[in-house]
């Protein structure tokens, strides 16, 4: 696994031993960032269920202003820390070892607003709908924000929840990527 583009391009990232973390494949990451385009530059990005931190590290490498990494698993937290330091991108990275809902609540209290949120929760656990509902509850998205969700291809993703509506979906072998936009009220 490596950083695809930007200032840390080509940097290899440490991957986990065992199967407790399922990193987003390089080609899927590359396609996601091609779809985001220049919108990543200067953005505030949330890598929720960060695993290895690859998605957020790629965002930093490509010019995100700040990236928040959240994972409740201690091994994921430590692996993300290691990879950020190894890529020399610590300056604009904030790493949290906590449950997703608690982090979202904390971000709202702190007044943090995200331009892009990437969710890669454990597959087929019904977490996507729950997190989208929490994002609706907590006021942490910019009006023109985007939520990107990685799921198993067979997992159903909602058409819309509150102000979030499905913009597009793309399948890659066993993985599905869904983009949600934010409806202006």
Protein backbone atom coordinates (compact mmCIF):
# COMPACT_ATOMS: atom_id res chain seq x y z
CA UNK A 1 0.00 0.00 0.00
CA UNK A 2 1.37 3.40 -0.98
CA UNK A 3 0.49 7.09 -1.26
CA UNK A 4 -0.62 7.70 -4.84
CA UNK A 5 -0.15 11.45 -5.36
CA UNK A 6 0.95 14.71 -3.79
CA UNK A 7 3.89 15.59 -1.60
CA UNK A 8 4.17 12.09 -0.06
CA UNK A 9 3.70 10.32 -3.41
CA UNK A 10 5.18 6.83 -3.51
CA UNK A 11 5.56 6.57 0.27
CA UNK A 12 4.81 3.03 1.40
CA UNK A 13 2.41 2.66 4.31
CA UNK A 14 2.58 -0.05 6.92
CA UNK A 15 -0.27 -2.52 6.66
CA UNK A 16 -1.78 -4.55 9.48
CA UNK A 17 -1.01 -8.09 10.44
CA UNK A 18 -4.08 -10.29 10.42
CA UNK A 19 -7.53 -9.32 9.20
CA UNK A 20 -8.79 -6.88 11.85
CA UNK A 21 -8.29 -3.96 9.40
CA UNK A 22 -9.39 -3.95 5.75
CA UNK A 23 -7.47 -1.14 3.97
CA UNK A 24 -8.99 0.60 0.95
CA UNK A 25 -7.16 -0.70 -2.12
CA UNK A 26 -4.81 1.69 -3.94
CA UNK A 27 -6.82 1.71 -7.17
CA UNK A 28 -10.10 2.42 -5.32
CA UNK A 29 -8.41 5.24 -3.39
CA UNK A 30 -7.06 6.66 -6.63
CA UNK A 31 -10.52 6.56 -8.24
CA UNK A 32 -12.12 8.26 -5.24
CA UNK A 33 -9.57 11.07 -5.33
CA UNK A 34 -10.02 11.43 -9.09
CA UNK A 35 -13.76 11.95 -8.44
CA UNK A 36 -13.06 14.50 -5.67
CA UNK A 37 -10.59 16.30 -7.94
CA UNK A 38 -9.23 19.63 -6.79
CA UNK A 39 -11.88 19.82 -4.03
CA UNK A 40 -9.40 18.18 -1.67
CA UNK A 41 -7.05 21.20 -1.65
CA UNK A 42 -7.59 23.35 1.43
CA UNK A 43 -10.34 21.07 2.77
CA UNK A 44 -11.05 19.83 6.27
CA UNK A 45 -11.30 16.04 5.96
CA UNK A 46 -12.55 13.36 8.37
CA UNK A 47 -11.30 9.79 8.01
CA UNK A 48 -13.84 7.96 10.19
CA UNK A 49 -12.99 4.30 10.95
CA UNK A 50 -9.51 5.20 9.70
CA UNK A 51 -7.85 1.77 9.92
CA UNK A 52 -4.36 2.36 8.49
CA UNK A 53 -5.05 6.06 7.90
CA UNK A 54 -4.43 5.67 4.16
CA UNK A 55 -7.44 7.73 3.01
CA UNK A 56 -6.65 10.66 5.28
CA UNK A 57 -2.90 10.49 4.62
CA UNK A 58 -3.67 10.62 0.90
CA UNK A 59 -5.85 13.70 1.57
CA UNK A 60 -2.97 15.40 3.43
CA UNK A 61 -0.54 14.50 0.67
CA UNK A 62 -2.89 16.03 -1.91
CA UNK A 63 -3.27 19.32 -0.04
CA UNK A 64 -6.04 18.99 2.54
CA UNK A 65 -5.71 21.74 5.14
CA UNK A 66 -6.46 19.47 8.09
CA UNK A 67 -7.36 15.80 8.50
CA UNK A 68 -9.03 14.22 11.52
CA UNK A 69 -8.52 10.46 11.95
CA UNK A 70 -10.89 8.47 14.16
CA UNK A 71 -10.81 4.78 15.04
CA UNK A 72 -11.88 3.01 18.22
CA UNK A 73 -9.46 0.11 17.71
CA UNK A 74 -6.16 0.72 19.52
CA UNK A 75 -4.13 -1.16 16.88
CA UNK A 76 -5.66 0.99 14.12
CA UNK A 77 -4.94 4.15 16.10
CA UNK A 78 -1.28 3.16 16.55
CA UNK A 79 -0.93 2.10 12.91
CA UNK A 80 -2.40 5.43 11.75
CA UNK A 81 0.01 7.32 14.02
CA UNK A 82 2.94 5.36 12.63
CA UNK A 83 1.91 5.91 9.00
CA UNK A 84 1.33 9.66 9.43
CA UNK A 85 4.72 10.08 11.07
CA UNK A 86 6.40 7.92 8.45
CA UNK A 87 4.86 10.08 5.68
CA UNK A 88 6.00 13.22 7.56
CA UNK A 89 2.49 14.69 7.56
CA UNK A 90 1.93 15.11 11.31
CA UNK A 91 1.56 18.89 11.23
CA UNK A 92 -2.03 18.92 9.93
CA UNK A 93 -3.20 15.59 11.34
CA UNK A 94 -5.33 15.04 14.45
CA UNK A 95 -5.78 11.43 15.59
CA UNK A 96 -8.50 10.19 17.95
CA UNK A 97 -8.79 6.76 19.54
CA UNK A 98 -12.52 6.75 20.31
CA UNK A 99 -15.92 5.56 19.15
CA UNK A 100 -17.32 7.33 16.08
CA UNK A 101 -20.42 8.78 17.76
CA UNK A 102 -18.41 10.22 20.63
CA UNK A 103 -15.99 11.82 18.15
CA UNK A 104 -18.83 13.36 16.10
CA UNK A 105 -20.36 14.80 19.26
CA UNK A 106 -16.97 16.20 20.32
CA UNK A 107 -16.42 17.79 16.89
CA UNK A 108 -19.78 19.54 17.15
CA UNK A 109 -18.90 20.91 20.61
CA UNK A 110 -15.58 22.17 19.19
CA UNK A 111 -17.30 23.81 16.21
CA UNK A 112 -15.40 21.72 13.65
CA UNK A 113 -16.95 21.69 10.15
CA UNK A 114 -15.91 19.15 7.53
CA UNK A 115 -15.80 19.53 3.77
CA UNK A 116 -15.32 15.80 3.17
CA UNK A 117 -16.09 12.83 5.41
CA UNK A 118 -14.90 9.36 4.44
CA UNK A 119 -16.63 6.44 6.21
CA UNK A 120 -15.22 2.93 6.01
CA UNK A 121 -16.98 1.10 8.84
CA UNK A 122 -16.96 -2.66 9.34
CA UNK A 123 -18.95 -4.20 6.48
CA UNK A 124 -22.56 -5.42 6.81
CA UNK A 125 -23.12 -4.20 10.37
CA UNK A 126 -25.75 -1.51 9.60
CA UNK A 127 -23.36 1.24 10.67
CA UNK A 128 -23.66 3.47 7.58
CA UNK A 129 -27.28 4.46 8.21
CA UNK A 130 -26.56 5.08 11.90
CA UNK A 131 -23.58 7.34 11.10
CA UNK A 132 -25.54 9.29 8.46
CA UNK A 133 -28.26 9.86 11.08
CA UNK A 134 -25.64 11.10 13.53
CA UNK A 135 -24.18 13.42 10.89
CA UNK A 136 -27.70 14.78 10.44
CA UNK A 137 -27.96 15.27 14.21
CA UNK A 138 -24.57 16.93 14.71
CA UNK A 139 -23.93 20.10 12.75
CA UNK A 140 -20.42 19.29 11.50
CA UNK A 141 -20.76 19.38 7.68
CA UNK A 142 -20.12 22.34 5.43
CA UNK A 143 -23.12 23.22 3.24
CA UNK A 144 -21.36 21.99 0.11
CA UNK A 145 -19.85 18.98 1.88
CA UNK A 146 -19.49 15.42 0.63
CA UNK A 147 -19.76 12.13 2.51
CA UNK A 148 -18.02 9.17 0.86
CA UNK A 149 -18.95 5.71 2.10
CA UNK A 150 -17.13 2.44 1.45
CA UNK A 151 -19.18 -0.72 1.94
CA UNK A 152 -19.40 -4.29 0.79
CA UNK A 153 -20.96 -4.36 -2.69
CA UNK A 154 -24.00 -6.24 -1.38
CA UNK A 155 -24.67 -3.81 1.48
CA UNK A 156 -27.69 -1.55 1.01
CA UNK A 157 -27.02 2.17 1.38
CA UNK A 158 -29.91 4.59 1.90
CA UNK A 159 -31.07 6.81 -0.97
CA UNK A 160 -31.22 9.71 1.48
CA UNK A 161 -31.22 10.49 5.20
CA UNK A 162 -32.25 13.96 6.28
CA UNK A 163 -30.19 16.45 4.31
CA UNK A 164 -27.88 13.78 2.85
CA UNK A 165 -28.77 12.42 -0.59
CA UNK A 166 -27.02 9.82 -2.73
CA UNK A 167 -25.26 11.50 -5.65
CA UNK A 168 -23.54 8.49 -7.20
CA UNK A 169 -22.41 4.96 -6.57
CA UNK A 170 -19.64 2.88 -8.10
CA UNK A 171 -18.89 -0.81 -7.70
CA UNK A 172 -15.41 -2.33 -7.62
CA UNK A 173 -15.42 -6.13 -7.44
CA UNK A 174 -16.51 -6.73 -3.81
CA UNK A 175 -16.53 -3.05 -2.76
CA UNK A 176 -19.05 -0.25 -3.31
CA UNK A 177 -18.30 3.48 -3.02
CA UNK A 178 -21.27 5.82 -2.44
CA UNK A 179 -21.07 9.62 -2.57
CA UNK A 180 -23.61 11.67 -0.60
CA UNK A 181 -24.19 15.36 -1.10
CA UNK A 182 -25.71 17.82 1.37
CA UNK A 183 -29.04 19.35 0.38
CA UNK A 184 -29.23 23.09 1.01
CA UNK A 185 -32.16 23.88 3.27
